[in-house]
mmCIF file of all heavy atoms, coordinates in Angstrom:
data_MODEL
# 
_entry.id   MODEL 
# 
loop_
_atom_site.group_PDB 
_atom_site.id 
_atom_site.type_symbol 
_atom_site.label_atom_id 
_atom_site.label_alt_id 
_atom_site.label_comp_id 
_atom_site.label_asym_id 
_atom_site.label_entity_id 
_atom_site.label_seq_id 
_atom_site.pdbx_PDB_ins_code 
_atom_site.Cartn_x 
_atom_site.Cartn_y 
_atom_site.Cartn_z 
_atom_site.occupancy 
_atom_site.B_iso_or_equiv 
_atom_site.pdbx_formal_charge 
_atom_site.auth_seq_id 
_atom_site.auth_comp_id 
_atom_site.auth_asym_id 
_atom_site.auth_atom_id 
_atom_site.pdbx_PDB_model_num 
ATOM 1   N N   . LEU A 1 1  ? -33.231 97.819  71.966 1.00 0.00 ? 1  LEU A N   1 
ATOM 2   C CA  . LEU A 1 1  ? -33.935 98.028  70.714 1.00 0.00 ? 1  LEU A CA  1 
ATOM 3   C C   . LEU A 1 1  ? -35.371 98.234  70.778 1.00 0.00 ? 1  LEU A C   1 
ATOM 4   O O   . LEU A 1 1  ? -35.925 99.234  70.179 1.00 0.00 ? 1  LEU A O   1 
ATOM 5   C CB  . LEU A 1 1  ? -33.649 96.817  69.760 1.00 0.00 ? 1  LEU A CB  1 
ATOM 6   C CG  . LEU A 1 1  ? -32.266 96.305  69.484 1.00 0.00 ? 1  LEU A CG  1 
ATOM 7   C CD1 . LEU A 1 1  ? -32.142 95.162  68.549 1.00 0.00 ? 1  LEU A CD1 1 
ATOM 8   C CD2 . LEU A 1 1  ? -31.398 97.630  69.045 1.00 0.00 ? 1  LEU A CD2 1 
ATOM 9   N N   . ARG A 1 2  ? -35.969 97.567  71.734 1.00 0.00 ? 2  ARG A N   1 
ATOM 10  C CA  . ARG A 1 2  ? -37.434 97.727  71.911 1.00 0.00 ? 2  ARG A CA  1 
ATOM 11  C C   . ARG A 1 2  ? -37.746 99.077  72.557 1.00 0.00 ? 2  ARG A C   1 
ATOM 12  O O   . ARG A 1 2  ? -38.741 99.734  72.169 1.00 0.00 ? 2  ARG A O   1 
ATOM 13  C CB  . ARG A 1 2  ? -37.959 96.628  72.839 1.00 0.00 ? 2  ARG A CB  1 
ATOM 14  C CG  . ARG A 1 2  ? -37.841 95.280  72.220 1.00 0.00 ? 2  ARG A CG  1 
ATOM 15  C CD  . ARG A 1 2  ? -37.984 94.072  73.235 1.00 0.00 ? 2  ARG A CD  1 
ATOM 16  N NE  . ARG A 1 2  ? -39.254 94.024  73.838 1.00 0.00 ? 2  ARG A NE  1 
ATOM 17  C CZ  . ARG A 1 2  ? -39.634 93.133  74.756 1.00 0.00 ? 2  ARG A CZ  1 
ATOM 18  N NH1 . ARG A 1 2  ? -38.712 92.328  75.282 1.00 0.00 ? 2  ARG A NH1 1 
ATOM 19  N NH2 . ARG A 1 2  ? -40.776 93.228  75.235 1.00 0.00 ? 2  ARG A NH2 1 
ATOM 20  N N   . ALA A 1 3  ? -37.002 99.355  73.584 1.00 0.00 ? 3  ALA A N   1 
ATOM 21  C CA  . ALA A 1 3  ? -37.257 100.753 74.252 1.00 0.00 ? 3  ALA A CA  1 
ATOM 22  C C   . ALA A 1 3  ? -36.932 101.880 73.300 1.00 0.00 ? 3  ALA A C   1 
ATOM 23  O O   . ALA A 1 3  ? -37.568 102.918 73.341 1.00 0.00 ? 3  ALA A O   1 
ATOM 24  C CB  . ALA A 1 3  ? -36.351 100.849 75.587 1.00 0.00 ? 3  ALA A CB  1 
ATOM 25  N N   . HIS A 1 4  ? -35.822 101.733 72.524 1.00 0.00 ? 4  HIS A N   1 
ATOM 26  C CA  . HIS A 1 4  ? -35.453 102.817 71.701 1.00 0.00 ? 4  HIS A CA  1 
ATOM 27  C C   . HIS A 1 4  ? -36.504 103.076 70.529 1.00 0.00 ? 4  HIS A C   1 
ATOM 28  O O   . HIS A 1 4  ? -36.872 104.185 70.343 1.00 0.00 ? 4  HIS A O   1 
ATOM 29  C CB  . HIS A 1 4  ? -34.097 102.538 70.915 1.00 0.00 ? 4  HIS A CB  1 
ATOM 30  C CG  . HIS A 1 4  ? -32.963 103.214 71.846 1.00 0.00 ? 4  HIS A CG  1 
ATOM 31  N ND1 . HIS A 1 4  ? -31.698 102.890 71.524 1.00 0.00 ? 4  HIS A ND1 1 
ATOM 32  C CD2 . HIS A 1 4  ? -33.012 103.969 72.889 1.00 0.00 ? 4  HIS A CD2 1 
ATOM 33  C CE1 . HIS A 1 4  ? -30.946 103.579 72.379 1.00 0.00 ? 4  HIS A CE1 1 
ATOM 34  N NE2 . HIS A 1 4  ? -31.763 104.117 73.193 1.00 0.00 ? 4  HIS A NE2 1 
ATOM 35  N N   . MET A 1 5  ? -36.942 102.016 69.948 1.00 0.00 ? 5  MET A N   1 
ATOM 36  C CA  . MET A 1 5  ? -37.958 102.206 68.843 1.00 0.00 ? 5  MET A CA  1 
ATOM 37  C C   . MET A 1 5  ? -39.362 102.765 69.389 1.00 0.00 ? 5  MET A C   1 
ATOM 38  O O   . MET A 1 5  ? -39.967 103.682 68.814 1.00 0.00 ? 5  MET A O   1 
ATOM 39  C CB  . MET A 1 5  ? -38.187 100.992 68.068 1.00 0.00 ? 5  MET A CB  1 
ATOM 40  C CG  . MET A 1 5  ? -37.011 100.353 67.304 1.00 0.00 ? 5  MET A CG  1 
ATOM 41  S SD  . MET A 1 5  ? -36.159 101.745 66.364 1.00 0.00 ? 5  MET A SD  1 
ATOM 42  C CE  . MET A 1 5  ? -37.455 102.104 65.140 1.00 0.00 ? 5  MET A CE  1 
ATOM 43  N N   . ALA A 1 6  ? -39.665 102.375 70.552 1.00 0.00 ? 6  ALA A N   1 
ATOM 44  C CA  . ALA A 1 6  ? -40.859 102.899 71.217 1.00 0.00 ? 6  ALA A CA  1 
ATOM 45  C C   . ALA A 1 6  ? -40.717 104.412 71.551 1.00 0.00 ? 6  ALA A C   1 
ATOM 46  O O   . ALA A 1 6  ? -41.572 105.235 71.382 1.00 0.00 ? 6  ALA A O   1 
ATOM 47  C CB  . ALA A 1 6  ? -41.210 102.133 72.449 1.00 0.00 ? 6  ALA A CB  1 
ATOM 48  N N   . ALA A 1 7  ? -39.399 104.713 71.950 1.00 0.00 ? 7  ALA A N   1 
ATOM 49  C CA  . ALA A 1 7  ? -39.128 106.122 72.357 1.00 0.00 ? 7  ALA A CA  1 
ATOM 50  C C   . ALA A 1 7  ? -39.301 107.077 71.206 1.00 0.00 ? 7  ALA A C   1 
ATOM 51  O O   . ALA A 1 7  ? -39.596 108.236 71.465 1.00 0.00 ? 7  ALA A O   1 
ATOM 52  C CB  . ALA A 1 7  ? -37.761 106.186 72.978 1.00 0.00 ? 7  ALA A CB  1 
ATOM 53  N N   . ILE A 1 8  ? -39.096 106.625 69.960 1.00 0.00 ? 8  ILE A N   1 
ATOM 54  C CA  . ILE A 1 8  ? -39.202 107.538 68.844 1.00 0.00 ? 8  ILE A CA  1 
ATOM 55  C C   . ILE A 1 8  ? -40.601 107.438 68.180 1.00 0.00 ? 8  ILE A C   1 
ATOM 56  O O   . ILE A 1 8  ? -40.741 107.984 67.058 1.00 0.00 ? 8  ILE A O   1 
ATOM 57  C CB  . ILE A 1 8  ? -38.099 107.254 67.704 1.00 0.00 ? 8  ILE A CB  1 
ATOM 58  C CG1 . ILE A 1 8  ? -38.160 105.956 67.156 1.00 0.00 ? 8  ILE A CG1 1 
ATOM 59  C CG2 . ILE A 1 8  ? -36.632 107.515 68.400 1.00 0.00 ? 8  ILE A CG2 1 
ATOM 60  C CD1 . ILE A 1 8  ? -37.315 105.790 65.930 1.00 0.00 ? 8  ILE A CD1 1 
ATOM 61  N N   . GLY A 1 9  ? -41.479 106.755 68.911 1.00 0.00 ? 9  GLY A N   1 
ATOM 62  C CA  . GLY A 1 9  ? -42.873 106.569 68.491 1.00 0.00 ? 9  GLY A CA  1 
ATOM 63  C C   . GLY A 1 9  ? -43.154 105.544 67.329 1.00 0.00 ? 9  GLY A C   1 
ATOM 64  O O   . GLY A 1 9  ? -44.274 105.514 66.866 1.00 0.00 ? 9  GLY A O   1 
ATOM 65  N N   . HIS A 1 10 ? -42.251 104.586 67.308 1.00 0.00 ? 10 HIS A N   1 
ATOM 66  C CA  . HIS A 1 10 ? -42.435 103.506 66.319 1.00 0.00 ? 10 HIS A CA  1 
ATOM 67  C C   . HIS A 1 10 ? -41.974 102.176 66.968 1.00 0.00 ? 10 HIS A C   1 
ATOM 68  O O   . HIS A 1 10 ? -41.056 101.571 66.616 1.00 0.00 ? 10 HIS A O   1 
ATOM 69  C CB  . HIS A 1 10 ? -41.546 103.771 65.037 1.00 0.00 ? 10 HIS A CB  1 
ATOM 70  C CG  . HIS A 1 10 ? -41.838 105.000 64.313 1.00 0.00 ? 10 HIS A CG  1 
ATOM 71  N ND1 . HIS A 1 10 ? -43.092 105.120 63.603 1.00 0.00 ? 10 HIS A ND1 1 
ATOM 72  C CD2 . HIS A 1 10 ? -41.206 106.251 64.305 1.00 0.00 ? 10 HIS A CD2 1 
ATOM 73  C CE1 . HIS A 1 10 ? -43.168 106.356 63.045 1.00 0.00 ? 10 HIS A CE1 1 
ATOM 74  N NE2 . HIS A 1 10 ? -42.029 107.100 63.617 1.00 0.00 ? 10 HIS A NE2 1 
ATOM 75  N N   . PRO A 1 11 ? -42.968 101.791 67.823 1.00 0.00 ? 11 PRO A N   1 
ATOM 76  C CA  . PRO A 1 11 ? -42.572 100.446 68.631 1.00 0.00 ? 11 PRO A CA  1 
ATOM 77  C C   . PRO A 1 11 ? -42.525 99.292  67.672 1.00 0.00 ? 11 PRO A C   1 
ATOM 78  O O   . PRO A 1 11 ? -43.254 99.301  66.640 1.00 0.00 ? 11 PRO A O   1 
ATOM 79  C CB  . PRO A 1 11 ? -43.717 100.397 69.609 1.00 0.00 ? 11 PRO A CB  1 
ATOM 80  C CG  . PRO A 1 11 ? -44.920 101.181 69.019 1.00 0.00 ? 11 PRO A CG  1 
ATOM 81  C CD  . PRO A 1 11 ? -44.208 102.304 68.325 1.00 0.00 ? 11 PRO A CD  1 
ATOM 82  N N   . ILE A 1 12 ? -41.787 98.277  68.136 1.00 0.00 ? 12 ILE A N   1 
ATOM 83  C CA  . ILE A 1 12 ? -41.681 97.121  67.360 1.00 0.00 ? 12 ILE A CA  1 
ATOM 84  C C   . ILE A 1 12 ? -43.109 96.381  67.394 1.00 0.00 ? 12 ILE A C   1 
ATOM 85  O O   . ILE A 1 12 ? -43.713 96.340  68.442 1.00 0.00 ? 12 ILE A O   1 
ATOM 86  C CB  . ILE A 1 12 ? -40.597 96.185  67.808 1.00 0.00 ? 12 ILE A CB  1 
ATOM 87  C CG1 . ILE A 1 12 ? -39.271 96.890  67.604 1.00 0.00 ? 12 ILE A CG1 1 
ATOM 88  C CG2 . ILE A 1 12 ? -40.622 94.860  67.162 1.00 0.00 ? 12 ILE A CG2 1 
ATOM 89  C CD1 . ILE A 1 12 ? -38.035 96.142  68.267 1.00 0.00 ? 12 ILE A CD1 1 
ATOM 90  N N   . VAL A 1 13 ? -43.631 95.910  66.298 1.00 0.00 ? 13 VAL A N   1 
ATOM 91  C CA  . VAL A 1 13 ? -44.846 95.316  66.232 1.00 0.00 ? 13 VAL A CA  1 
ATOM 92  C C   . VAL A 1 13 ? -44.913 94.095  67.167 1.00 0.00 ? 13 VAL A C   1 
ATOM 93  O O   . VAL A 1 13 ? -44.066 93.314  67.137 1.00 0.00 ? 13 VAL A O   1 
ATOM 94  C CB  . VAL A 1 13 ? -45.253 94.849  64.867 1.00 0.00 ? 13 VAL A CB  1 
ATOM 95  C CG1 . VAL A 1 13 ? -46.521 93.994  64.781 1.00 0.00 ? 13 VAL A CG1 1 
ATOM 96  C CG2 . VAL A 1 13 ? -45.433 96.132  64.014 1.00 0.00 ? 13 VAL A CG2 1 
ATOM 97  N N   . GLY A 1 14 ? -45.987 94.030  67.943 1.00 0.00 ? 14 GLY A N   1 
ATOM 98  C CA  . GLY A 1 14 ? -46.096 92.925  68.926 1.00 0.00 ? 14 GLY A CA  1 
ATOM 99  C C   . GLY A 1 14 ? -45.556 93.139  70.366 1.00 0.00 ? 14 GLY A C   1 
ATOM 100 O O   . GLY A 1 14 ? -45.614 92.327  71.232 1.00 0.00 ? 14 GLY A O   1 
ATOM 101 N N   . ASP A 1 15 ? -44.815 94.285  70.507 1.00 0.00 ? 15 ASP A N   1 
ATOM 102 C CA  . ASP A 1 15 ? -44.226 94.647  71.726 1.00 0.00 ? 15 ASP A CA  1 
ATOM 103 C C   . ASP A 1 15 ? -45.136 95.354  72.757 1.00 0.00 ? 15 ASP A C   1 
ATOM 104 O O   . ASP A 1 15 ? -45.127 96.508  72.855 1.00 0.00 ? 15 ASP A O   1 
ATOM 105 C CB  . ASP A 1 15 ? -42.954 95.422  71.518 1.00 0.00 ? 15 ASP A CB  1 
ATOM 106 C CG  . ASP A 1 15 ? -42.050 95.589  72.686 1.00 0.00 ? 15 ASP A CG  1 
ATOM 107 O OD1 . ASP A 1 15 ? -42.558 94.996  73.772 1.00 0.00 ? 15 ASP A OD1 1 
ATOM 108 O OD2 . ASP A 1 15 ? -41.081 96.300  72.645 1.00 0.00 ? 15 ASP A OD2 1 
ATOM 109 N N   . GLY A 1 16 ? -45.989 94.570  73.347 1.00 0.00 ? 16 GLY A N   1 
ATOM 110 C CA  . GLY A 1 16 ? -46.954 95.186  74.301 1.00 0.00 ? 16 GLY A CA  1 
ATOM 111 C C   . GLY A 1 16 ? -46.336 95.798  75.520 1.00 0.00 ? 16 GLY A C   1 
ATOM 112 O O   . GLY A 1 16 ? -46.888 96.724  76.091 1.00 0.00 ? 16 GLY A O   1 
ATOM 113 N N   . LYS A 1 17 ? -45.126 95.408  75.873 1.00 0.00 ? 17 LYS A N   1 
ATOM 114 C CA  . LYS A 1 17 ? -44.407 95.945  77.110 1.00 0.00 ? 17 LYS A CA  1 
ATOM 115 C C   . LYS A 1 17 ? -44.046 97.385  76.780 1.00 0.00 ? 17 LYS A C   1 
ATOM 116 O O   . LYS A 1 17 ? -44.198 98.288  77.687 1.00 0.00 ? 17 LYS A O   1 
ATOM 117 C CB  . LYS A 1 17 ? -43.203 95.064  77.441 1.00 0.00 ? 17 LYS A CB  1 
ATOM 118 C CG  . LYS A 1 17 ? -42.363 95.597  78.558 1.00 0.00 ? 17 LYS A CG  1 
ATOM 119 C CD  . LYS A 1 17 ? -41.126 94.889  78.824 1.00 0.00 ? 17 LYS A CD  1 
ATOM 120 C CE  . LYS A 1 17 ? -41.353 93.474  79.476 1.00 0.00 ? 17 LYS A CE  1 
ATOM 121 N NZ  . LYS A 1 17 ? -41.579 93.608  80.866 1.00 0.00 ? 17 LYS A NZ  1 
ATOM 122 N N   . TYR A 1 18 ? -43.538 97.742  75.635 1.00 0.00 ? 18 TYR A N   1 
ATOM 123 C CA  . TYR A 1 18 ? -43.098 99.036  75.351 1.00 0.00 ? 18 TYR A CA  1 
ATOM 124 C C   . TYR A 1 18 ? -44.053 99.821  74.478 1.00 0.00 ? 18 TYR A C   1 
ATOM 125 O O   . TYR A 1 18 ? -44.015 101.022 74.377 1.00 0.00 ? 18 TYR A O   1 
ATOM 126 C CB  . TYR A 1 18 ? -41.694 99.010  74.725 1.00 0.00 ? 18 TYR A CB  1 
ATOM 127 C CG  . TYR A 1 18 ? -40.710 98.655  75.823 1.00 0.00 ? 18 TYR A CG  1 
ATOM 128 C CD1 . TYR A 1 18 ? -40.163 97.316  75.888 1.00 0.00 ? 18 TYR A CD1 1 
ATOM 129 C CD2 . TYR A 1 18 ? -40.102 99.549  76.677 1.00 0.00 ? 18 TYR A CD2 1 
ATOM 130 C CE1 . TYR A 1 18 ? -39.326 96.917  76.853 1.00 0.00 ? 18 TYR A CE1 1 
ATOM 131 C CE2 . TYR A 1 18 ? -39.230 99.125  77.588 1.00 0.00 ? 18 TYR A CE2 1 
ATOM 132 C CZ  . TYR A 1 18 ? -38.811 97.831  77.707 1.00 0.00 ? 18 TYR A CZ  1 
ATOM 133 O OH  . TYR A 1 18 ? -37.931 97.454  78.684 1.00 0.00 ? 18 TYR A OH  1 
ATOM 134 N N   . GLY A 1 19 ? -44.901 99.221  73.651 1.00 0.00 ? 19 GLY A N   1 
ATOM 135 C CA  . GLY A 1 19 ? -45.694 99.897  72.747 1.00 0.00 ? 19 GLY A CA  1 
ATOM 136 C C   . GLY A 1 19 ? -47.182 99.718  72.991 1.00 0.00 ? 19 GLY A C   1 
ATOM 137 O O   . GLY A 1 19 ? -48.004 100.385 72.267 1.00 0.00 ? 19 GLY A O   1 
ATOM 138 N N   . GLY A 1 20 ? -47.540 99.047  74.022 1.00 0.00 ? 20 GLY A N   1 
ATOM 139 C CA  . GLY A 1 20 ? -49.032 98.848  74.331 1.00 0.00 ? 20 GLY A CA  1 
ATOM 140 C C   . GLY A 1 20 ? -49.645 97.899  73.340 1.00 0.00 ? 20 GLY A C   1 
ATOM 141 O O   . GLY A 1 20 ? -49.083 97.364  72.416 1.00 0.00 ? 20 GLY A O   1 
ATOM 142 N N   . GLY A 1 21 ? -50.957 97.715  73.518 1.00 0.00 ? 21 GLY A N   1 
ATOM 143 C CA  . GLY A 1 21 ? -51.703 96.847  72.669 1.00 0.00 ? 21 GLY A CA  1 
ATOM 144 C C   . GLY A 1 21 ? -52.556 97.431  71.716 1.00 0.00 ? 21 GLY A C   1 
ATOM 145 O O   . GLY A 1 21 ? -53.380 96.899  70.989 1.00 0.00 ? 21 GLY A O   1 
ATOM 146 N N   . GLY A 1 22 ? -52.509 98.827  71.471 1.00 0.00 ? 22 GLY A N   1 
ATOM 147 C CA  . GLY A 1 22 ? -53.343 99.540  70.612 1.00 0.00 ? 22 GLY A CA  1 
ATOM 148 C C   . GLY A 1 22 ? -52.849 99.562  69.134 1.00 0.00 ? 22 GLY A C   1 
ATOM 149 O O   . GLY A 1 22 ? -51.727 99.107  68.845 1.00 0.00 ? 22 GLY A O   1 
ATOM 150 N N   . GLN A 1 23 ? -53.601 100.164 68.235 1.00 0.00 ? 23 GLN A N   1 
ATOM 151 C CA  . GLN A 1 23 ? -53.257 100.201 66.892 1.00 0.00 ? 23 GLN A CA  1 
ATOM 152 C C   . GLN A 1 23 ? -53.173 101.706 66.362 1.00 0.00 ? 23 GLN A C   1 
ATOM 153 O O   . GLN A 1 23 ? -52.697 101.961 65.289 1.00 0.00 ? 23 GLN A O   1 
ATOM 154 C CB  . GLN A 1 23 ? -54.257 99.541  65.949 1.00 0.00 ? 23 GLN A CB  1 
ATOM 155 C CG  . GLN A 1 23 ? -54.407 98.041  66.291 1.00 0.00 ? 23 GLN A CG  1 
ATOM 156 C CD  . GLN A 1 23 ? -55.526 97.298  65.490 1.00 0.00 ? 23 GLN A CD  1 
ATOM 157 O OE1 . GLN A 1 23 ? -55.767 97.775  64.377 1.00 0.00 ? 23 GLN A OE1 1 
ATOM 158 N NE2 . GLN A 1 23 ? -56.081 96.228  66.002 1.00 0.00 ? 23 GLN A NE2 1 
ATOM 159 N N   . GLU A 1 24 ? -53.603 102.640 67.189 1.00 0.00 ? 24 GLU A N   1 
ATOM 160 C CA  . GLU A 1 24 ? -53.748 103.970 66.756 1.00 0.00 ? 24 GLU A CA  1 
ATOM 161 C C   . GLU A 1 24 ? -52.405 104.869 66.988 1.00 0.00 ? 24 GLU A C   1 
ATOM 162 O O   . GLU A 1 24 ? -51.639 104.492 67.879 1.00 0.00 ? 24 GLU A O   1 
ATOM 163 C CB  . GLU A 1 24 ? -55.017 104.722 67.363 1.00 0.00 ? 24 GLU A CB  1 
ATOM 164 C CG  . GLU A 1 24 ? -56.254 104.005 67.195 1.00 0.00 ? 24 GLU A CG  1 
ATOM 165 C CD  . GLU A 1 24 ? -57.345 104.809 67.908 1.00 0.00 ? 24 GLU A CD  1 
ATOM 166 O OE1 . GLU A 1 24 ? -57.479 104.516 69.150 1.00 0.00 ? 24 GLU A OE1 1 
ATOM 167 O OE2 . GLU A 1 24 ? -58.081 105.577 67.300 1.00 0.00 ? 24 GLU A OE2 1 
ATOM 168 N N   . ASN A 1 25 ? -52.351 105.895 66.264 1.00 0.00 ? 25 ASN A N   1 
ATOM 169 C CA  . ASN A 1 25 ? -51.336 106.901 66.632 1.00 0.00 ? 25 ASN A CA  1 
ATOM 170 C C   . ASN A 1 25 ? -52.073 107.978 67.450 1.00 0.00 ? 25 ASN A C   1 
ATOM 171 O O   . ASN A 1 25 ? -52.811 108.741 66.888 1.00 0.00 ? 25 ASN A O   1 
ATOM 172 C CB  . ASN A 1 25 ? -50.742 107.433 65.369 1.00 0.00 ? 25 ASN A CB  1 
ATOM 173 C CG  . ASN A 1 25 ? -49.550 108.376 65.689 1.00 0.00 ? 25 ASN A CG  1 
ATOM 174 O OD1 . ASN A 1 25 ? -49.503 108.960 66.720 1.00 0.00 ? 25 ASN A OD1 1 
ATOM 175 N ND2 . ASN A 1 25 ? -48.705 108.553 64.681 1.00 0.00 ? 25 ASN A ND2 1 
ATOM 176 N N   . LEU A 1 26 ? -51.724 108.052 68.660 1.00 0.00 ? 26 LEU A N   1 
ATOM 177 C CA  . LEU A 1 26 ? -52.449 109.052 69.554 1.00 0.00 ? 26 LEU A CA  1 
ATOM 178 C C   . LEU A 1 26 ? -51.711 110.316 69.707 1.00 0.00 ? 26 LEU A C   1 
ATOM 179 O O   . LEU A 1 26 ? -52.013 111.066 70.602 1.00 0.00 ? 26 LEU A O   1 
ATOM 180 C CB  . LEU A 1 26 ? -52.709 108.316 70.915 1.00 0.00 ? 26 LEU A CB  1 
ATOM 181 C CG  . LEU A 1 26 ? -53.635 107.118 70.884 1.00 0.00 ? 26 LEU A CG  1 
ATOM 182 C CD1 . LEU A 1 26 ? -53.763 106.476 72.261 1.00 0.00 ? 26 LEU A CD1 1 
ATOM 183 C CD2 . LEU A 1 26 ? -54.899 107.426 70.236 1.00 0.00 ? 26 LEU A CD2 1 
# 
């Protein structure tokens, strides 16, 4: 679930492993 949501550009909040620690949409 964590890898899939990050893969579509919407990581699970708080998931630094797959979504990083930033807040921006780069």
